[in-house]
């Protein structure tokens, strides 16, 4: 069993944010149509999650860099 933590979402049109998530070891999970509360604009949100395995890898690399 793989444990995952959903940690963020971003507008699919925000390519920079998507690339940042992936470069940090955070995996794409799924997409959902959603509505921005401030202006009621519909958009596709991409959700990202961090597996326990990737979290441990990131944590170990962070400790090594200290």
PDB file of N, CA and C in Angstrom:
ATOM      1  N   UNK A   1       0.839  -1.184   0.000  1.00  0.00           N
ATOM      2  CA  UNK A   1       0.000   0.000   0.000  1.00  0.00           C
ATOM      3  C   UNK A   1       0.885   1.248   0.000  1.00  0.00           C
ATOM      4  N   UNK A   2       0.596   2.168  -0.915  1.00  0.00           N
ATOM      5  CA  UNK A   2       1.353   3.414  -0.993  1.00  0.00           C
ATOM      6  C   UNK A   2       0.553   4.511  -0.307  1.00  0.00           C
ATOM      7  N   UNK A   3       1.161   5.174   0.644  1.00  0.00           N
ATOM      8  CA  UNK A   3       0.508   6.291   1.315  1.00  0.00           C
ATOM      9  C   UNK A   3       0.826   7.581   0.571  1.00  0.00           C
ATOM     10  N   UNK A   4      -0.209   8.382   0.324  1.00  0.00           N
ATOM     11  CA  UNK A   4      -0.028   9.645  -0.391  1.00  0.00           C
ATOM     12  C   UNK A   4      -0.672  10.771   0.385  1.00  0.00           C
ATOM     13  N   UNK A   5      -0.119  11.933   0.202  1.00  0.00           N
ATOM     14  CA  UNK A   5      -0.657  13.137   0.801  1.00  0.00           C
ATOM     15  C   UNK A   5      -0.905  14.133  -0.318  1.00  0.00           C
ATOM     16  N   UNK A   6      -2.160  14.521  -0.517  1.00  0.00           N
ATOM     17  CA  UNK A   6      -2.463  15.527  -1.527  1.00  0.00           C
ATOM     18  C   UNK A   6      -2.003  16.867  -0.966  1.00  0.00           C
ATOM     19  N   UNK A   7      -1.078  17.506  -1.658  1.00  0.00           N
ATOM     20  CA  UNK A   7      -0.491  18.697  -1.061  1.00  0.00           C
ATOM     21  C   UNK A   7      -0.776  19.993  -1.801  1.00  0.00           C
ATOM     22  N   UNK A   8      -1.174  19.926  -3.069  1.00  0.00           N
ATOM     23  CA  UNK A   8      -1.430  21.194  -3.741  1.00  0.00           C
ATOM     24  C   UNK A   8      -2.230  21.004  -5.008  1.00  0.00           C
ATOM     25  N   UNK A   9      -2.724  22.116  -5.518  1.00  0.00           N
ATOM     26  CA  UNK A   9      -3.370  22.147  -6.813  1.00  0.00           C
ATOM     27  C   UNK A   9      -2.980  23.450  -7.477  1.00  0.00           C
ATOM     28  N   UNK A  10      -3.039  23.448  -8.795  1.00  0.00           N
ATOM     29  CA  UNK A  10      -2.770  24.689  -9.525  1.00  0.00           C
ATOM     30  C   UNK A  10      -3.572  24.694 -10.815  1.00  0.00           C
ATOM     31  N   UNK A  11      -3.772  25.871 -11.331  1.00  0.00           N
ATOM     32  CA  UNK A  11      -4.469  26.045 -12.603  1.00  0.00           C
ATOM     33  C   UNK A  11      -3.643  25.363 -13.689  1.00  0.00           C
ATOM     34  N   UNK A  12      -4.284  24.548 -14.501  1.00  0.00           N
ATOM     35  CA  UNK A  12      -3.580  23.816 -15.557  1.00  0.00           C
ATOM     36  C   UNK A  12      -2.815  24.764 -16.473  1.00  0.00           C
ATOM     37  N   UNK A  13      -3.286  25.985 -16.650  1.00  0.00           N
ATOM     38  CA  UNK A  13      -2.623  26.948 -17.536  1.00  0.00           C
ATOM     39  C   UNK A  13      -1.317  27.482 -16.949  1.00  0.00           C
ATOM     40  N   UNK A  14      -1.092  27.245 -15.662  1.00  0.00           N
ATOM     41  CA  UNK A  14       0.113  27.726 -14.993  1.00  0.00           C
ATOM     42  C   UNK A  14       1.227  26.685 -15.158  1.00  0.00           C
ATOM     43  N   UNK A  15       1.880  26.732 -16.297  1.00  0.00           N
ATOM     44  CA  UNK A  15       2.910  25.745 -16.648  1.00  0.00           C
ATOM     45  C   UNK A  15       4.082  25.792 -15.668  1.00  0.00           C
ATOM     46  N   UNK A  16       4.483  26.983 -15.251  1.00  0.00           N
ATOM     47  CA  UNK A  16       5.618  27.117 -14.331  1.00  0.00           C
ATOM     48  C   UNK A  16       5.358  26.402 -13.010  1.00  0.00           C
ATOM     49  N   UNK A  17       4.155  26.561 -12.488  1.00  0.00           N
ATOM     50  CA  UNK A  17       3.813  25.915 -11.224  1.00  0.00           C
ATOM     51  C   UNK A  17       3.813  24.393 -11.378  1.00  0.00           C
ATOM     52  N   UNK A  18       3.284  23.917 -12.485  1.00  0.00           N
ATOM     53  CA  UNK A  18       3.267  22.476 -12.743  1.00  0.00           C
ATOM     54  C   UNK A  18       4.688  21.916 -12.814  1.00  0.00           C
ATOM     55  N   UNK A  19       5.560  22.596 -13.533  1.00  0.00           N
ATOM     56  CA  UNK A  19       6.953  22.145 -13.650  1.00  0.00           C
ATOM     57  C   UNK A  19       7.649  22.154 -12.292  1.00  0.00           C
ATOM     58  N   UNK A  20       7.356  23.148 -11.473  1.00  0.00           N
ATOM     59  CA  UNK A  20       7.957  23.224 -10.141  1.00  0.00           C
ATOM     60  C   UNK A  20       7.539  22.031  -9.294  1.00  0.00           C
ATOM     61  N   UNK A  21       6.247  21.701  -9.300  1.00  0.00           N
ATOM     62  CA  UNK A  21       5.769  20.552  -8.511  1.00  0.00           C
ATOM     63  C   UNK A  21       6.508  19.285  -8.921  1.00  0.00           C
ATOM     64  N   UNK A  22       6.576  19.052 -10.230  1.00  0.00           N
ATOM     65  CA  UNK A  22       7.210  17.833 -10.727  1.00  0.00           C
ATOM     66  C   UNK A  22       8.702  17.796 -10.419  1.00  0.00           C
ATOM     67  N   UNK A  23       9.367  18.958 -10.489  1.00  0.00           N
ATOM     68  CA  UNK A  23      10.811  18.993 -10.214  1.00  0.00           C
ATOM     69  C   UNK A  23      11.121  18.737  -8.738  1.00  0.00           C
ATOM     70  N   UNK A  24      10.124  18.941  -7.876  1.00  0.00           N
ATOM     71  CA  UNK A  24      10.324  18.709  -6.441  1.00  0.00           C
ATOM     72  C   UNK A  24       9.974  17.281  -6.024  1.00  0.00           C
ATOM     73  N   UNK A  25       9.633  16.428  -6.990  1.00  0.00           N
ATOM     74  CA  UNK A  25       9.294  15.048  -6.654  1.00  0.00           C
ATOM     75  C   UNK A  25       7.839  14.856  -6.293  1.00  0.00           C
ATOM     76  N   UNK A  26       7.028  15.862  -6.567  1.00  0.00           N
ATOM     77  CA  UNK A  26       5.599  15.793  -6.290  1.00  0.00           C
ATOM     78  C   UNK A  26       4.913  15.303  -7.565  1.00  0.00           C
ATOM     79  N   UNK A  27       4.093  14.289  -7.457  1.00  0.00           N
ATOM     80  CA  UNK A  27       3.497  13.643  -8.621  1.00  0.00           C
ATOM     81  C   UNK A  27       2.120  14.189  -8.959  1.00  0.00           C
ATOM     82  N   UNK A  28       1.848  14.270 -10.276  1.00  0.00           N
ATOM     83  CA  UNK A  28       0.507  14.619 -10.740  1.00  0.00           C
ATOM     84  C   UNK A  28      -0.449  13.524 -10.301  1.00  0.00           C
ATOM     85  N   UNK A  29      -1.615  13.907  -9.810  1.00  0.00           N
ATOM     86  CA  UNK A  29      -2.620  12.952  -9.363  1.00  0.00           C
ATOM     87  C   UNK A  29      -3.812  12.906 -10.312  1.00  0.00           C
ATOM     88  N   UNK A  30      -4.475  14.036 -10.481  1.00  0.00           N
ATOM     89  CA  UNK A  30      -5.663  14.087 -11.316  1.00  0.00           C
ATOM     90  C   UNK A  30      -6.054  15.544 -11.570  1.00  0.00           C
ATOM     91  N   UNK A  31      -7.058  15.726 -12.409  1.00  0.00           N
ATOM     92  CA  UNK A  31      -7.552  17.069 -12.713  1.00  0.00           C
ATOM     93  C   UNK A  31      -9.050  17.128 -12.424  1.00  0.00           C
ATOM     94  N   UNK A  32      -9.498  18.329 -12.066  1.00  0.00           N
ATOM     95  CA  UNK A  32     -10.923  18.557 -11.818  1.00  0.00           C
ATOM     96  C   UNK A  32     -11.285  19.942 -12.319  1.00  0.00           C
ATOM     97  N   UNK A  33     -12.494  20.063 -12.866  1.00  0.00           N
ATOM     98  CA  UNK A  33     -12.984  21.396 -13.195  1.00  0.00           C
ATOM     99  C   UNK A  33     -13.414  22.051 -11.890  1.00  0.00           C
ATOM    100  N   UNK A  34     -13.039  23.291 -11.702  1.00  0.00           N
ATOM    101  CA  UNK A  34     -13.360  23.995 -10.468  1.00  0.00           C
ATOM    102  C   UNK A  34     -13.669  25.458 -10.790  1.00  0.00           C
ATOM    103  N   UNK A  35     -14.101  26.204  -9.801  1.00  0.00           N
ATOM    104  CA  UNK A  35     -14.472  27.603  -9.996  1.00  0.00           C
ATOM    105  C   UNK A  35     -13.695  28.474  -9.021  1.00  0.00           C
ATOM    106  N   UNK A  36     -13.084  29.543  -9.548  1.00  0.00           N
ATOM    107  CA  UNK A  36     -12.394  30.498  -8.681  1.00  0.00           C
ATOM    108  C   UNK A  36     -13.441  31.287  -7.894  1.00  0.00           C
ATOM    109  N   UNK A  37     -13.277  31.345  -6.584  1.00  0.00           N
ATOM    110  CA  UNK A  37     -14.252  32.011  -5.728  1.00  0.00           C
ATOM    111  C   UNK A  37     -14.322  33.516  -5.968  1.00  0.00           C
ATOM    112  N   UNK A  38     -13.167  34.130  -6.255  1.00  0.00           N
ATOM    113  CA  UNK A  38     -13.163  35.595  -6.337  1.00  0.00           C
ATOM    114  C   UNK A  38     -13.894  36.145  -7.558  1.00  0.00           C
ATOM    115  N   UNK A  39     -13.905  35.375  -8.686  1.00  0.00           N
ATOM    116  CA  UNK A  39     -14.560  35.901  -9.891  1.00  0.00           C
ATOM    117  C   UNK A  39     -15.440  34.881 -10.613  1.00  0.00           C
ATOM    118  N   UNK A  40     -15.672  33.735  -9.988  1.00  0.00           N
ATOM    119  CA  UNK A  40     -16.511  32.672 -10.554  1.00  0.00           C
ATOM    120  C   UNK A  40     -16.046  32.155 -11.910  1.00  0.00           C
ATOM    121  N   UNK A  41     -14.761  32.264 -12.199  1.00  0.00           N
ATOM    122  CA  UNK A  41     -14.198  31.746 -13.451  1.00  0.00           C
ATOM    123  C   UNK A  41     -13.992  30.239 -13.331  1.00  0.00           C
ATOM    124  N   UNK A  42     -14.457  29.500 -14.335  1.00  0.00           N
ATOM    125  CA  UNK A  42     -14.217  28.053 -14.367  1.00  0.00           C
ATOM    126  C   UNK A  42     -12.819  27.797 -14.912  1.00  0.00           C
ATOM    127  N   UNK A  43     -12.148  26.808 -14.336  1.00  0.00           N
ATOM    128  CA  UNK A  43     -10.832  26.406 -14.834  1.00  0.00           C
ATOM    129  C   UNK A  43     -10.567  24.961 -14.452  1.00  0.00           C
ATOM    130  N   UNK A  44      -9.574  24.374 -15.084  1.00  0.00           N
ATOM    131  CA  UNK A  44      -9.165  23.008 -14.758  1.00  0.00           C
ATOM    132  C   UNK A  44      -8.022  23.090 -13.747  1.00  0.00           C
ATOM    133  N   UNK A  45      -8.218  22.449 -12.597  1.00  0.00           N
ATOM    134  CA  UNK A  45      -7.184  22.407 -11.566  1.00  0.00           C
ATOM    135  C   UNK A  45      -6.484  21.055 -11.623  1.00  0.00           C
ATOM    136  N   UNK A  46      -5.173  21.082 -11.660  1.00  0.00           N
ATOM    137  CA  UNK A  46      -4.372  19.867 -11.582  1.00  0.00           C
ATOM    138  C   UNK A  46      -3.961  19.666 -10.131  1.00  0.00           C
ATOM    139  N   UNK A  47      -4.177  18.478  -9.613  1.00  0.00           N
ATOM    140  CA  UNK A  47      -3.839  18.155  -8.234  1.00  0.00           C
ATOM    141  C   UNK A  47      -2.549  17.342  -8.201  1.00  0.00           C
ATOM    142  N   UNK A  48      -1.763  17.586  -7.175  1.00  0.00           N
ATOM    143  CA  UNK A  48      -0.472  16.906  -7.011  1.00  0.00           C
ATOM    144  C   UNK A  48      -0.420  16.288  -5.630  1.00  0.00           C
ATOM    145  N   UNK A  49       0.295  15.161  -5.532  1.00  0.00           N
ATOM    146  CA  UNK A  49       0.417  14.474  -4.260  1.00  0.00           C
ATOM    147  C   UNK A  49       1.852  14.001  -4.058  1.00  0.00           C
ATOM    148  N   UNK A  50       2.182  13.801  -2.824  1.00  0.00           N
ATOM    149  CA  UNK A  50       3.514  13.354  -2.454  1.00  0.00           C
ATOM    150  C   UNK A  50       3.389  11.968  -1.839  1.00  0.00           C
ATOM    151  N   UNK A  51       4.050  10.981  -2.441  1.00  0.00           N
ATOM    152  CA  UNK A  51       4.018   9.636  -1.875  1.00  0.00           C
ATOM    153  C   UNK A  51       4.956   9.571  -0.670  1.00  0.00           C
ATOM    154  N   UNK A  52       4.725   8.609   0.171  1.00  0.00           N
ATOM    155  CA  UNK A  52       5.591   8.424   1.330  1.00  0.00           C
ATOM    156  C   UNK A  52       7.031   8.182   0.876  1.00  0.00           C
ATOM    157  N   UNK A  53       7.183   7.397  -0.180  1.00  0.00           N
ATOM    158  CA  UNK A  53       8.520   7.100  -0.708  1.00  0.00           C
ATOM    159  C   UNK A  53       9.236   8.379  -1.156  1.00  0.00           C
ATOM    160  N   UNK A  54       8.552   9.232  -1.914  1.00  0.00           N
ATOM    161  CA  UNK A  54       9.174  10.478  -2.365  1.00  0.00           C
ATOM    162  C   UNK A  54       9.429  11.436  -1.211  1.00  0.00           C
ATOM    163  N   UNK A  55       8.528  11.449  -0.222  1.00  0.00           N
ATOM    164  CA  UNK A  55       8.749  12.286   0.952  1.00  0.00           C
ATOM    165  C   UNK A  55      10.032  11.879   1.664  1.00  0.00           C
ATOM    166  N   UNK A  56      10.222  10.578   1.832  1.00  0.00           N
ATOM    167  CA  UNK A  56      11.430  10.104   2.515  1.00  0.00           C
ATOM    168  C   UNK A  56      12.685  10.443   1.713  1.00  0.00           C
ATOM    169  N   UNK A  57      12.608  10.335   0.385  1.00  0.00           N
ATOM    170  CA  UNK A  57      13.747  10.713  -0.459  1.00  0.00           C
ATOM    171  C   UNK A  57      14.074  12.194  -0.296  1.00  0.00           C
ATOM    172  N   UNK A  58      13.037  13.032  -0.336  1.00  0.00           N
ATOM    173  CA  UNK A  58      13.253  14.477  -0.186  1.00  0.00           C
ATOM    174  C   UNK A  58      13.812  14.805   1.189  1.00  0.00           C
ATOM    175  N   UNK A  59      13.305  14.153   2.203  1.00  0.00           N
ATOM    176  CA  UNK A  59      13.755  14.397   3.567  1.00  0.00           C
ATOM    177  C   UNK A  59      15.212  13.994   3.738  1.00  0.00           C
ATOM    178  N   UNK A  60      15.589  12.843   3.174  1.00  0.00           N
ATOM    179  CA  UNK A  60      16.993  12.397   3.272  1.00  0.00           C
ATOM    180  C   UNK A  60      17.930  13.350   2.537  1.00  0.00           C
ATOM    181  N   UNK A  61      17.517  13.823   1.356  1.00  0.00           N
ATOM    182  CA  UNK A  61      18.384  14.737   0.611  1.00  0.00           C
ATOM    183  C   UNK A  61      18.490  16.074   1.322  1.00  0.00           C
ATOM    184  N   UNK A  62      17.446  16.496   1.991  1.00  0.00           N
ATOM    185  CA  UNK A  62      17.482  17.752   2.752  1.00  0.00           C
ATOM    186  C   UNK A  62      18.460  17.637   3.929  1.00  0.00           C
ATOM    187  N   UNK A  63      18.429  16.510   4.612  1.00  0.00           N
ATOM    188  CA  UNK A  63      19.326  16.284   5.757  1.00  0.00           C
ATOM    189  C   UNK A  63      20.785  16.247   5.294  1.00  0.00           C
ATOM    190  N   UNK A  64      21.044  15.603   4.154  1.00  0.00           N
ATOM    191  CA  UNK A  64      22.414  15.520   3.622  1.00  0.00           C
ATOM    192  C   UNK A  64      22.953  16.896   3.264  1.00  0.00           C
ATOM    193  N   UNK A  65      22.090  17.788   2.819  1.00  0.00           N
ATOM    194  CA  UNK A  65      22.521  19.124   2.392  1.00  0.00           C
ATOM    195  C   UNK A  65      22.742  20.099   3.534  1.00  0.00           C
ATOM    196  N   UNK A  66      22.406  19.726   4.742  1.00  0.00           N
ATOM    197  CA  UNK A  66      22.608  20.625   5.891  1.00  0.00           C
ATOM    198  C   UNK A  66      24.031  20.616   6.358  1.00  0.00           C
TER     199      UNK A  66
END
